[in-house]
Amino acid sequence: MEENKVTLDLSKLSMPNMEFVVYIVALIVAAIVITASDTLTIASWFQFYLITTAIYILSRGIAKAHNVTE
């Protein structure tokens, strides 16, 4: 009887691309700035989050479209 072994091969895990790292860092920095600010509110962070996410998704779409071969 064959046993099913589950192994974790770390060499096959893909690292996040640099755009994703910059996106996450920008959101964290914005959260820190808004927490320290007296005039900015959570609505300001959410608006920044929406705009940043839209730009990130657009940039990934452009990057994927650039690599398409027919």
PDB file of N, CA and C in Angstrom:
ATOM      1  N   MET A   1       0.834  -1.174   0.000  1.00  0.00           N
ATOM      2  CA  MET A   1       0.000   0.000   0.000  1.00  0.00           C
ATOM      3  C   MET A   1       0.887   1.249   0.000  1.00  0.00           C
ATOM      4  N   GLU A   2       0.595   2.172  -0.899  1.00  0.00           N
ATOM      5  CA  GLU A   2       1.416   3.362  -1.048  1.00  0.00           C
ATOM      6  C   GLU A   2       0.896   4.484  -0.161  1.00  0.00           C
ATOM      7  N   GLU A   3       1.794   5.092   0.591  1.00  0.00           N
ATOM      8  CA  GLU A   3       1.415   6.196   1.462  1.00  0.00           C
ATOM      9  C   GLU A   3       1.560   7.513   0.704  1.00  0.00           C
ATOM     10  N   ASN A   4       0.615   8.411   0.916  1.00  0.00           N
ATOM     11  CA  ASN A   4       0.697   9.737   0.313  1.00  0.00           C
ATOM     12  C   ASN A   4       1.500  10.640   1.244  1.00  0.00           C
ATOM     13  N   LYS A   5       2.636  11.067   0.769  1.00  0.00           N
ATOM     14  CA  LYS A   5       3.482  11.950   1.561  1.00  0.00           C
ATOM     15  C   LYS A   5       3.366  13.358   1.015  1.00  0.00           C
ATOM     16  N   VAL A   6       3.151  14.284   1.906  1.00  0.00           N
ATOM     17  CA  VAL A   6       3.082  15.692   1.530  1.00  0.00           C
ATOM     18  C   VAL A   6       4.399  16.325   1.941  1.00  0.00           C
ATOM     19  N   THR A   7       5.088  16.898   0.965  1.00  0.00           N
ATOM     20  CA  THR A   7       6.356  17.554   1.257  1.00  0.00           C
ATOM     21  C   THR A   7       6.270  19.003   0.806  1.00  0.00           C
ATOM     22  N   LEU A   8       7.024  19.821   1.459  1.00  0.00           N
ATOM     23  CA  LEU A   8       7.074  21.237   1.118  1.00  0.00           C
ATOM     24  C   LEU A   8       8.420  21.516   0.467  1.00  0.00           C
ATOM     25  N   ASP A   9       8.375  21.841  -0.814  1.00  0.00           N
ATOM     26  CA  ASP A   9       9.594  22.142  -1.557  1.00  0.00           C
ATOM     27  C   ASP A   9       9.718  23.659  -1.661  1.00  0.00           C
ATOM     28  N   LEU A  10      10.547  24.262  -0.825  1.00  0.00           N
ATOM     29  CA  LEU A  10      10.686  25.711  -0.788  1.00  0.00           C
ATOM     30  C   LEU A  10      11.332  26.271  -2.040  1.00  0.00           C
ATOM     31  N   SER A  11      12.044  25.445  -2.787  1.00  0.00           N
ATOM     32  CA  SER A  11      12.697  25.936  -3.997  1.00  0.00           C
ATOM     33  C   SER A  11      11.682  26.238  -5.104  1.00  0.00           C
ATOM     34  N   LYS A  12      10.485  25.671  -5.006  1.00  0.00           N
ATOM     35  CA  LYS A  12       9.481  25.897  -6.039  1.00  0.00           C
ATOM     36  C   LYS A  12       8.550  27.055  -5.724  1.00  0.00           C
ATOM     37  N   LEU A  13       8.679  27.662  -4.528  1.00  0.00           N
ATOM     38  CA  LEU A  13       7.844  28.801  -4.172  1.00  0.00           C
ATOM     39  C   LEU A  13       8.324  30.037  -4.928  1.00  0.00           C
ATOM     40  N   SER A  14       7.388  30.773  -5.473  1.00  0.00           N
ATOM     41  CA  SER A  14       7.782  31.970  -6.201  1.00  0.00           C
ATOM     42  C   SER A  14       7.789  33.169  -5.259  1.00  0.00           C
ATOM     43  N   MET A  15       8.778  33.993  -5.441  1.00  0.00           N
ATOM     44  CA  MET A  15       8.889  35.201  -4.631  1.00  0.00           C
ATOM     45  C   MET A  15       7.960  36.259  -5.214  1.00  0.00           C
ATOM     46  N   PRO A  16       7.400  37.141  -4.375  1.00  0.00           N
ATOM     47  CA  PRO A  16       6.538  38.190  -4.914  1.00  0.00           C
ATOM     48  C   PRO A  16       7.347  39.156  -5.774  1.00  0.00           C
ATOM     49  N   ASN A  17       6.695  39.700  -6.773  1.00  0.00           N
ATOM     50  CA  ASN A  17       7.401  40.638  -7.633  1.00  0.00           C
ATOM     51  C   ASN A  17       7.608  41.961  -6.896  1.00  0.00           C
ATOM     52  N   MET A  18       8.485  42.767  -7.420  1.00  0.00           N
ATOM     53  CA  MET A  18       8.850  44.020  -6.753  1.00  0.00           C
ATOM     54  C   MET A  18       7.679  44.980  -6.696  1.00  0.00           C
ATOM     55  N   GLU A  19       6.803  44.968  -7.694  1.00  0.00           N
ATOM     56  CA  GLU A  19       5.632  45.850  -7.664  1.00  0.00           C
ATOM     57  C   GLU A  19       4.759  45.549  -6.459  1.00  0.00           C
ATOM     58  N   PHE A  20       4.602  44.266  -6.132  1.00  0.00           N
ATOM     59  CA  PHE A  20       3.783  43.881  -4.984  1.00  0.00           C
ATOM     60  C   PHE A  20       4.426  44.337  -3.678  1.00  0.00           C
ATOM     61  N   VAL A  21       5.733  44.219  -3.588  1.00  0.00           N
ATOM     62  CA  VAL A  21       6.443  44.651  -2.378  1.00  0.00           C
ATOM     63  C   VAL A  21       6.284  46.155  -2.183  1.00  0.00           C
ATOM     64  N   VAL A  22       6.436  46.923  -3.251  1.00  0.00           N
ATOM     65  CA  VAL A  22       6.282  48.380  -3.169  1.00  0.00           C
ATOM     66  C   VAL A  22       4.838  48.727  -2.803  1.00  0.00           C
ATOM     67  N   TYR A  23       3.872  48.005  -3.348  1.00  0.00           N
ATOM     68  CA  TYR A  23       2.458  48.216  -3.037  1.00  0.00           C
ATOM     69  C   TYR A  23       2.193  48.021  -1.544  1.00  0.00           C
ATOM     70  N   ILE A  24       2.671  46.928  -0.982  1.00  0.00           N
ATOM     71  CA  ILE A  24       2.461  46.640   0.442  1.00  0.00           C
ATOM     72  C   ILE A  24       3.170  47.683   1.314  1.00  0.00           C
ATOM     73  N   VAL A  25       4.399  48.040   0.972  1.00  0.00           N
ATOM     74  CA  VAL A  25       5.138  49.038   1.742  1.00  0.00           C
ATOM     75  C   VAL A  25       4.417  50.390   1.697  1.00  0.00           C
ATOM     76  N   ALA A  26       3.899  50.764   0.536  1.00  0.00           N
ATOM     77  CA  ALA A  26       3.175  52.032   0.412  1.00  0.00           C
ATOM     78  C   ALA A  26       1.933  52.044   1.303  1.00  0.00           C
ATOM     79  N   LEU A  27       1.210  50.939   1.360  1.00  0.00           N
ATOM     80  CA  LEU A  27       0.019  50.874   2.221  1.00  0.00           C
ATOM     81  C   LEU A  27       0.394  50.952   3.695  1.00  0.00           C
ATOM     82  N   ILE A  28       1.477  50.303   4.076  1.00  0.00           N
ATOM     83  CA  ILE A  28       1.912  50.345   5.474  1.00  0.00           C
ATOM     84  C   ILE A  28       2.373  51.745   5.860  1.00  0.00           C
ATOM     85  N   VAL A  29       3.155  52.379   4.994  1.00  0.00           N
ATOM     86  CA  VAL A  29       3.616  53.743   5.266  1.00  0.00           C
ATOM     87  C   VAL A  29       2.424  54.699   5.354  1.00  0.00           C
ATOM     88  N   ALA A  30       1.459  54.552   4.455  1.00  0.00           N
ATOM     89  CA  ALA A  30       0.273  55.409   4.493  1.00  0.00           C
ATOM     90  C   ALA A  30      -0.514  55.201   5.787  1.00  0.00           C
ATOM     91  N   ALA A  31      -0.611  53.968   6.250  1.00  0.00           N
ATOM     92  CA  ALA A  31      -1.309  53.697   7.501  1.00  0.00           C
ATOM     93  C   ALA A  31      -0.595  54.352   8.685  1.00  0.00           C
ATOM     94  N   ILE A  32       0.727  54.307   8.691  1.00  0.00           N
ATOM     95  CA  ILE A  32       1.503  54.935   9.765  1.00  0.00           C
ATOM     96  C   ILE A  32       1.329  56.449   9.734  1.00  0.00           C
ATOM     97  N   VAL A  33       1.398  57.041   8.544  1.00  0.00           N
ATOM     98  CA  VAL A  33       1.250  58.495   8.411  1.00  0.00           C
ATOM     99  C   VAL A  33      -0.135  58.937   8.871  1.00  0.00           C
ATOM    100  N   ILE A  34      -1.158  58.205   8.485  1.00  0.00           N
ATOM    101  CA  ILE A  34      -2.521  58.584   8.861  1.00  0.00           C
ATOM    102  C   ILE A  34      -2.744  58.397  10.362  1.00  0.00           C
ATOM    103  N   THR A  35      -2.116  57.389  10.949  1.00  0.00           N
ATOM    104  CA  THR A  35      -2.222  57.196  12.393  1.00  0.00           C
ATOM    105  C   THR A  35      -1.567  58.347  13.154  1.00  0.00           C
ATOM    106  N   ALA A  36      -0.454  58.842  12.642  1.00  0.00           N
ATOM    107  CA  ALA A  36       0.278  59.921  13.312  1.00  0.00           C
ATOM    108  C   ALA A  36      -0.308  61.301  13.024  1.00  0.00           C
ATOM    109  N   SER A  37      -1.142  61.414  12.017  1.00  0.00           N
ATOM    110  CA  SER A  37      -1.666  62.718  11.604  1.00  0.00           C
ATOM    111  C   SER A  37      -2.937  63.078  12.373  1.00  0.00           C
ATOM    112  N   ASP A  38      -3.105  64.379  12.607  1.00  0.00           N
ATOM    113  CA  ASP A  38      -4.325  64.865  13.255  1.00  0.00           C
ATOM    114  C   ASP A  38      -5.411  65.204  12.242  1.00  0.00           C
ATOM    115  N   THR A  39      -5.022  65.510  11.013  1.00  0.00           N
ATOM    116  CA  THR A  39      -6.005  65.961  10.025  1.00  0.00           C
ATOM    117  C   THR A  39      -6.482  64.847   9.097  1.00  0.00           C
ATOM    118  N   LEU A  40      -5.685  63.806   8.908  1.00  0.00           N
ATOM    119  CA  LEU A  40      -6.089  62.714   8.031  1.00  0.00           C
ATOM    120  C   LEU A  40      -6.906  61.690   8.813  1.00  0.00           C
ATOM    121  N   THR A  41      -7.873  61.073   8.120  1.00  0.00           N
ATOM    122  CA  THR A  41      -8.744  60.095   8.769  1.00  0.00           C
ATOM    123  C   THR A  41      -8.607  58.747   8.063  1.00  0.00           C
ATOM    124  N   ILE A  42      -9.326  57.767   8.565  1.00  0.00           N
ATOM    125  CA  ILE A  42      -9.325  56.447   7.937  1.00  0.00           C
ATOM    126  C   ILE A  42      -9.907  56.519   6.530  1.00  0.00           C
ATOM    127  N   ALA A  43     -10.790  57.477   6.283  1.00  0.00           N
ATOM    128  CA  ALA A  43     -11.328  57.667   4.933  1.00  0.00           C
ATOM    129  C   ALA A  43     -10.220  58.070   3.961  1.00  0.00           C
ATOM    130  N   SER A  44      -9.261  58.842   4.440  1.00  0.00           N
ATOM    131  CA  SER A  44      -8.117  59.222   3.602  1.00  0.00           C
ATOM    132  C   SER A  44      -7.286  57.994   3.245  1.00  0.00           C
ATOM    133  N   TRP A  45      -7.064  57.116   4.226  1.00  0.00           N
ATOM    134  CA  TRP A  45      -6.305  55.896   3.961  1.00  0.00           C
ATOM    135  C   TRP A  45      -7.056  55.010   2.983  1.00  0.00           C
ATOM    136  N   PHE A  46      -8.375  54.894   3.164  1.00  0.00           N
ATOM    137  CA  PHE A  46      -9.157  54.039   2.278  1.00  0.00           C
ATOM    138  C   PHE A  46      -9.127  54.571   0.847  1.00  0.00           C
ATOM    139  N   GLN A  47      -9.191  55.878   0.671  1.00  0.00           N
ATOM    140  CA  GLN A  47      -9.100  56.462  -0.664  1.00  0.00           C
ATOM    141  C   GLN A  47      -7.720  56.174  -1.267  1.00  0.00           C
ATOM    142  N   PHE A  48      -6.663  56.317  -0.475  1.00  0.00           N
ATOM    143  CA  PHE A  48      -5.315  55.982  -0.942  1.00  0.00           C
ATOM    144  C   PHE A  48      -5.237  54.510  -1.317  1.00  0.00           C
ATOM    145  N   TYR A  49      -5.840  53.649  -0.489  1.00  0.00           N
ATOM    146  CA  TYR A  49      -5.873  52.215  -0.750  1.00  0.00           C
ATOM    147  C   TYR A  49      -6.557  51.914  -2.075  1.00  0.00           C
ATOM    148  N   LEU A  50      -7.704  52.525  -2.344  1.00  0.00           N
ATOM    149  CA  LEU A  50      -8.430  52.291  -3.593  1.00  0.00           C
ATOM    150  C   LEU A  50      -7.614  52.710  -4.810  1.00  0.00           C
ATOM    151  N   ILE A  51      -7.034  53.891  -4.750  1.00  0.00           N
ATOM    152  CA  ILE A  51      -6.266  54.405  -5.890  1.00  0.00           C
ATOM    153  C   ILE A  51      -5.013  53.562  -6.106  1.00  0.00           C
ATOM    154  N   THR A  52      -4.323  53.234  -5.026  1.00  0.00           N
ATOM    155  CA  THR A  52      -3.099  52.434  -5.133  1.00  0.00           C
ATOM    156  C   THR A  52      -3.398  51.040  -5.666  1.00  0.00           C
ATOM    157  N   THR A  53      -4.490  50.442  -5.214  1.00  0.00           N
ATOM    158  CA  THR A  53      -4.864  49.110  -5.691  1.00  0.00           C
ATOM    159  C   THR A  53      -5.219  49.141  -7.173  1.00  0.00           C
ATOM    160  N   ALA A  54      -5.956  50.160  -7.597  1.00  0.00           N
ATOM    161  CA  ALA A  54      -6.307  50.275  -9.012  1.00  0.00           C
ATOM    162  C   ALA A  54      -5.056  50.423  -9.873  1.00  0.00           C
ATOM    163  N   ILE A  55      -4.115  51.233  -9.429  1.00  0.00           N
ATOM    164  CA  ILE A  55      -2.870  51.417 -10.179  1.00  0.00           C
ATOM    165  C   ILE A  55      -2.063  50.119 -10.205  1.00  0.00           C
ATOM    166  N   TYR A  56      -2.018  49.392  -9.083  1.00  0.00           N
ATOM    167  CA  TYR A  56      -1.288  48.123  -9.032  1.00  0.00           C
ATOM    168  C   TYR A  56      -1.893  47.105 -10.000  1.00  0.00           C
ATOM    169  N   ILE A  57      -3.214  46.977  -9.988  1.00  0.00           N
ATOM    170  CA  ILE A  57      -3.876  46.016 -10.882  1.00  0.00           C
ATOM    171  C   ILE A  57      -3.649  46.415 -12.344  1.00  0.00           C
ATOM    172  N   LEU A  58      -3.725  47.687 -12.642  1.00  0.00           N
ATOM    173  CA  LEU A  58      -3.474  48.159 -14.000  1.00  0.00           C
ATOM    174  C   LEU A  58      -2.040  47.864 -14.429  1.00  0.00           C
ATOM    175  N   SER A  59      -1.087  48.094 -13.537  1.00  0.00           N
ATOM    176  CA  SER A  59       0.314  47.835 -13.895  1.00  0.00           C
ATOM    177  C   SER A  59       0.559  46.349 -14.120  1.00  0.00           C
ATOM    178  N   ARG A  60      -0.073  45.483 -13.327  1.00  0.00           N
ATOM    179  CA  ARG A  60       0.079  44.034 -13.535  1.00  0.00           C
ATOM    180  C   ARG A  60      -0.564  43.612 -14.854  1.00  0.00           C
ATOM    181  N   GLY A  61      -1.697  44.219 -15.198  1.00  0.00           N
ATOM    182  CA  GLY A  61      -2.333  43.905 -16.470  1.00  0.00           C
ATOM    183  C   GLY A  61      -1.468  44.294 -17.645  1.00  0.00           C
ATOM    184  N   ILE A  62      -0.849  45.459 -17.555  1.00  0.00           N
ATOM    185  CA  ILE A  62       0.049  45.913 -18.621  1.00  0.00           C
ATOM    186  C   ILE A  62       1.263  44.980 -18.708  1.00  0.00           C
ATOM    187  N   ALA A  63       1.806  44.584 -17.567  1.00  0.00           N
ATOM    188  CA  ALA A  63       2.967  43.689 -17.566  1.00  0.00           C
ATOM    189  C   ALA A  63       2.605  42.333 -18.168  1.00  0.00           C
ATOM    190  N   LYS A  64       1.427  41.819 -17.842  1.00  0.00           N
ATOM    191  CA  LYS A  64       0.995  40.515 -18.396  1.00  0.00           C
ATOM    192  C   LYS A  64       0.728  40.641 -19.896  1.00  0.00           C
ATOM    193  N   ALA A  65       0.112  41.743 -20.316  1.00  0.00           N
ATOM    194  CA  ALA A  65      -0.195  41.931 -21.728  1.00  0.00           C
ATOM    195  C   ALA A  65       1.079  42.073 -22.557  1.00  0.00           C
ATOM    196  N   HIS A  66       2.113  42.630 -21.954  1.00  0.00           N
ATOM    197  CA  HIS A  66       3.378  42.797 -22.653  1.00  0.00           C
ATOM    198  C   HIS A  66       4.042  41.446 -22.947  1.00  0.00           C
ATOM    199  N   ASN A  67       3.790  40.474 -22.093  1.00  0.00           N
ATOM    200  CA  ASN A  67       4.430  39.159 -22.247  1.00  0.00           C
ATOM    201  C   ASN A  67       3.623  38.184 -23.078  1.00  0.00           C
ATOM    202  N   VAL A  68       2.475  38.584 -23.604  1.00  0.00           N
ATOM    203  CA  VAL A  68       1.627  37.685 -24.375  1.00  0.00           C
ATOM    204  C   VAL A  68       2.243  37.490 -25.756  1.00  0.00           C
ATOM    205  N   THR A  69       2.364  36.240 -26.143  1.00  0.00           N
ATOM    206  CA  THR A  69       2.842  35.934 -27.497  1.00  0.00           C
ATOM    207  C   THR A  69       1.772  35.123 -28.220  1.00  0.00           C
ATOM    208  N   GLU A  70       1.633  35.391 -29.476  1.00  0.00           N
ATOM    209  CA  GLU A  70       0.610  34.684 -30.247  1.00  0.00           C
ATOM    210  C   GLU A  70       1.220  33.610 -31.119  1.00  0.00           C
TER     211      GLU A  70
END
